[in-house]
Amino acid sequence: MPRLVDVMSALASADSEATIYVSTPIEPYSDVVVCIEPDEGGSPAGLVYLLEVSLARDVLHTWARWRDGRQPSAEEAAKAVIYYAQHDAYEPVRPTA
């Protein structure tokens, strides 16, 4: 089964209508399924809703914009998407020392 970091690496080719579901605990290396949400709702067995693909792309676009265009690694991307899903806010830029 793919992991969240794997999906972040291939997010550009994912269906923008799809939804990302992950295993718990939610972390960058959690198992993941990306699929179209069924009309009756629900999630794949054993997984929980994370974000829609289109919203995850927006999160990563904002992440890069806030960091002068630097593209996130797959792990940074996964962490940014998790942060957004848990806080309903973009991951803040932390000062580097």
C-alpha atoms as a PDB file:
ATOM      1  CA  MET A   1       0.000   0.000   0.000  1.00  0.00           C
ATOM      2  CA  PRO A   2       1.392   3.454  -0.809  1.00  0.00           C
ATOM      3  CA  ARG A   3       2.303   5.861   1.952  1.00  0.00           C
ATOM      4  CA  LEU A   4       1.362   9.513   2.266  1.00  0.00           C
ATOM      5  CA  VAL A   5       4.848  10.649   1.205  1.00  0.00           C
ATOM      6  CA  ASP A   6       4.465   8.580  -1.979  1.00  0.00           C
ATOM      7  CA  VAL A   7       1.191  10.329  -2.798  1.00  0.00           C
ATOM      8  CA  MET A   8       2.751  13.747  -2.171  1.00  0.00           C
ATOM      9  CA  SER A   9       5.455  12.927  -4.729  1.00  0.00           C
ATOM     10  CA  ALA A  10       2.784  12.112  -7.335  1.00  0.00           C
ATOM     11  CA  LEU A  11       0.098  14.630  -6.320  1.00  0.00           C
ATOM     12  CA  ALA A  12       0.307  16.525  -9.625  1.00  0.00           C
ATOM     13  CA  SER A  13      -0.928  13.451 -11.506  1.00  0.00           C
ATOM     14  CA  ALA A  14      -3.709  12.557  -9.052  1.00  0.00           C
ATOM     15  CA  ASP A  15      -7.366  13.123  -9.975  1.00  0.00           C
ATOM     16  CA  SER A  16      -8.362  16.543  -8.610  1.00  0.00           C
ATOM     17  CA  GLU A  17     -11.799  15.135  -7.746  1.00  0.00           C
ATOM     18  CA  ALA A  18     -10.265  12.436  -5.534  1.00  0.00           C
ATOM     19  CA  THR A  19      -9.956  12.375  -1.755  1.00  0.00           C
ATOM     20  CA  ILE A  20      -6.972  11.286   0.336  1.00  0.00           C
ATOM     21  CA  TYR A  21      -7.636   8.761   3.118  1.00  0.00           C
ATOM     22  CA  VAL A  22      -4.943   7.671   5.596  1.00  0.00           C
ATOM     23  CA  SER A  23      -4.368   5.147   8.355  1.00  0.00           C
ATOM     24  CA  THR A  24      -3.968   6.313  11.930  1.00  0.00           C
ATOM     25  CA  PRO A  25      -1.930   7.589  13.563  1.00  0.00           C
ATOM     26  CA  ILE A  26      -1.667  10.177  10.804  1.00  0.00           C
ATOM     27  CA  GLU A  27       1.963  10.775   9.890  1.00  0.00           C
ATOM     28  CA  PRO A  28       4.010  11.143   6.682  1.00  0.00           C
ATOM     29  CA  TYR A  29       4.544   7.388   6.396  1.00  0.00           C
ATOM     30  CA  SER A  30       0.925   6.373   7.063  1.00  0.00           C
ATOM     31  CA  ASP A  31      -0.745   4.052   4.553  1.00  0.00           C
ATOM     32  CA  VAL A  32      -2.912   5.948   2.094  1.00  0.00           C
ATOM     33  CA  VAL A  33      -5.640   5.466  -0.495  1.00  0.00           C
ATOM     34  CA  VAL A  34      -6.602   8.152  -3.006  1.00  0.00           C
ATOM     35  CA  CYS A  35     -10.030   7.612  -4.521  1.00  0.00           C
ATOM     36  CA  ILE A  36     -13.254   9.317  -5.534  1.00  0.00           C
ATOM     37  CA  GLU A  37     -15.496   9.618  -2.480  1.00  0.00           C
ATOM     38  CA  PRO A  38     -18.591   7.462  -2.916  1.00  0.00           C
ATOM     39  CA  ASP A  39     -21.954   9.254  -3.223  1.00  0.00           C
ATOM     40  CA  GLU A  40     -23.070   7.755   0.071  1.00  0.00           C
ATOM     41  CA  GLY A  41     -19.941   9.031   1.844  1.00  0.00           C
ATOM     42  CA  GLY A  42     -17.735   6.935   4.046  1.00  0.00           C
ATOM     43  CA  SER A  43     -14.119   5.994   3.712  1.00  0.00           C
ATOM     44  CA  PRO A  44     -12.163   2.903   2.709  1.00  0.00           C
ATOM     45  CA  ALA A  45     -12.060   0.320   5.516  1.00  0.00           C
ATOM     46  CA  GLY A  46      -9.632   1.184   8.270  1.00  0.00           C
ATOM     47  CA  LEU A  47      -8.774   4.625   6.888  1.00  0.00           C
ATOM     48  CA  VAL A  48      -9.831   8.159   7.814  1.00  0.00           C
ATOM     49  CA  TYR A  49     -10.443  11.245   5.673  1.00  0.00           C
ATOM     50  CA  LEU A  50      -7.452  13.580   5.292  1.00  0.00           C
ATOM     51  CA  LEU A  51      -8.115  16.104   2.470  1.00  0.00           C
ATOM     52  CA  GLU A  52      -9.303  16.380  -1.096  1.00  0.00           C
ATOM     53  CA  VAL A  53      -6.501  16.267  -3.690  1.00  0.00           C
ATOM     54  CA  SER A  54      -7.383  19.772  -4.938  1.00  0.00           C
ATOM     55  CA  LEU A  55      -7.086  21.202  -1.421  1.00  0.00           C
ATOM     56  CA  ALA A  56      -3.803  19.364  -0.809  1.00  0.00           C
ATOM     57  CA  ARG A  57      -2.432  20.959  -3.998  1.00  0.00           C
ATOM     58  CA  ASP A  58      -3.494  24.379  -2.696  1.00  0.00           C
ATOM     59  CA  VAL A  59      -1.748  23.675   0.611  1.00  0.00           C
ATOM     60  CA  LEU A  60       1.499  22.849  -1.205  1.00  0.00           C
ATOM     61  CA  HIS A  61       1.194  25.848  -3.505  1.00  0.00           C
ATOM     62  CA  THR A  62       0.833  28.114  -0.473  1.00  0.00           C
ATOM     63  CA  TRP A  63       3.675  26.338   1.328  1.00  0.00           C
ATOM     64  CA  ALA A  64       6.000  27.071  -1.608  1.00  0.00           C
ATOM     65  CA  ARG A  65       4.787  30.655  -2.021  1.00  0.00           C
ATOM     66  CA  TRP A  66       5.449  31.376   1.656  1.00  0.00           C
ATOM     67  CA  ARG A  67       8.973  29.990   1.245  1.00  0.00           C
ATOM     68  CA  ASP A  68      10.053  32.039  -1.783  1.00  0.00           C
ATOM     69  CA  GLY A  69       9.104  29.350  -4.288  1.00  0.00           C
ATOM     70  CA  ARG A  70      11.054  26.486  -2.725  1.00  0.00           C
ATOM     71  CA  GLN A  71       9.282  23.199  -3.419  1.00  0.00           C
ATOM     72  CA  PRO A  72       8.777  20.918  -0.410  1.00  0.00           C
ATOM     73  CA  SER A  73      10.314  17.472  -0.149  1.00  0.00           C
ATOM     74  CA  ALA A  74       7.784  14.638  -0.055  1.00  0.00           C
ATOM     75  CA  GLU A  75       8.067  14.512   3.747  1.00  0.00           C
ATOM     76  CA  GLU A  76       7.662  18.302   4.097  1.00  0.00           C
ATOM     77  CA  ALA A  77       4.655  18.134   1.792  1.00  0.00           C
ATOM     78  CA  ALA A  78       3.075  15.359   3.842  1.00  0.00           C
ATOM     79  CA  LYS A  79       3.652  17.306   7.066  1.00  0.00           C
ATOM     80  CA  ALA A  80       2.145  20.471   5.545  1.00  0.00           C
ATOM     81  CA  VAL A  81      -0.976  18.598   4.394  1.00  0.00           C
ATOM     82  CA  ILE A  82      -1.337  16.913   7.795  1.00  0.00           C
ATOM     83  CA  TYR A  83      -0.920  20.272   9.538  1.00  0.00           C
ATOM     84  CA  TYR A  84      -3.639  21.817   7.379  1.00  0.00           C
ATOM     85  CA  ALA A  85      -5.987  18.878   7.940  1.00  0.00           C
ATOM     86  CA  GLN A  86      -5.542  19.059  11.716  1.00  0.00           C
ATOM     87  CA  HIS A  87      -5.548  22.860  12.174  1.00  0.00           C
ATOM     88  CA  ASP A  88      -7.583  24.165   9.210  1.00  0.00           C
ATOM     89  CA  ALA A  89      -4.665  26.540   8.623  1.00  0.00           C
ATOM     90  CA  TYR A  90      -1.497  26.584   6.553  1.00  0.00           C
ATOM     91  CA  GLU A  91       1.706  25.468   8.236  1.00  0.00           C
ATOM     92  CA  PRO A  92       3.536  28.615   9.385  1.00  0.00           C
ATOM     93  CA  VAL A  93       7.060  29.376   8.268  1.00  0.00           C
ATOM     94  CA  ARG A  94       9.446  28.709  11.115  1.00  0.00           C
ATOM     95  CA  PRO A  95      12.524  30.896  11.345  1.00  0.00           C
ATOM     96  CA  THR A  96      15.795  29.118  10.682  1.00  0.00           C
ATOM     97  CA  ALA A  97      18.626  29.561  13.148  1.00  0.00           C
END
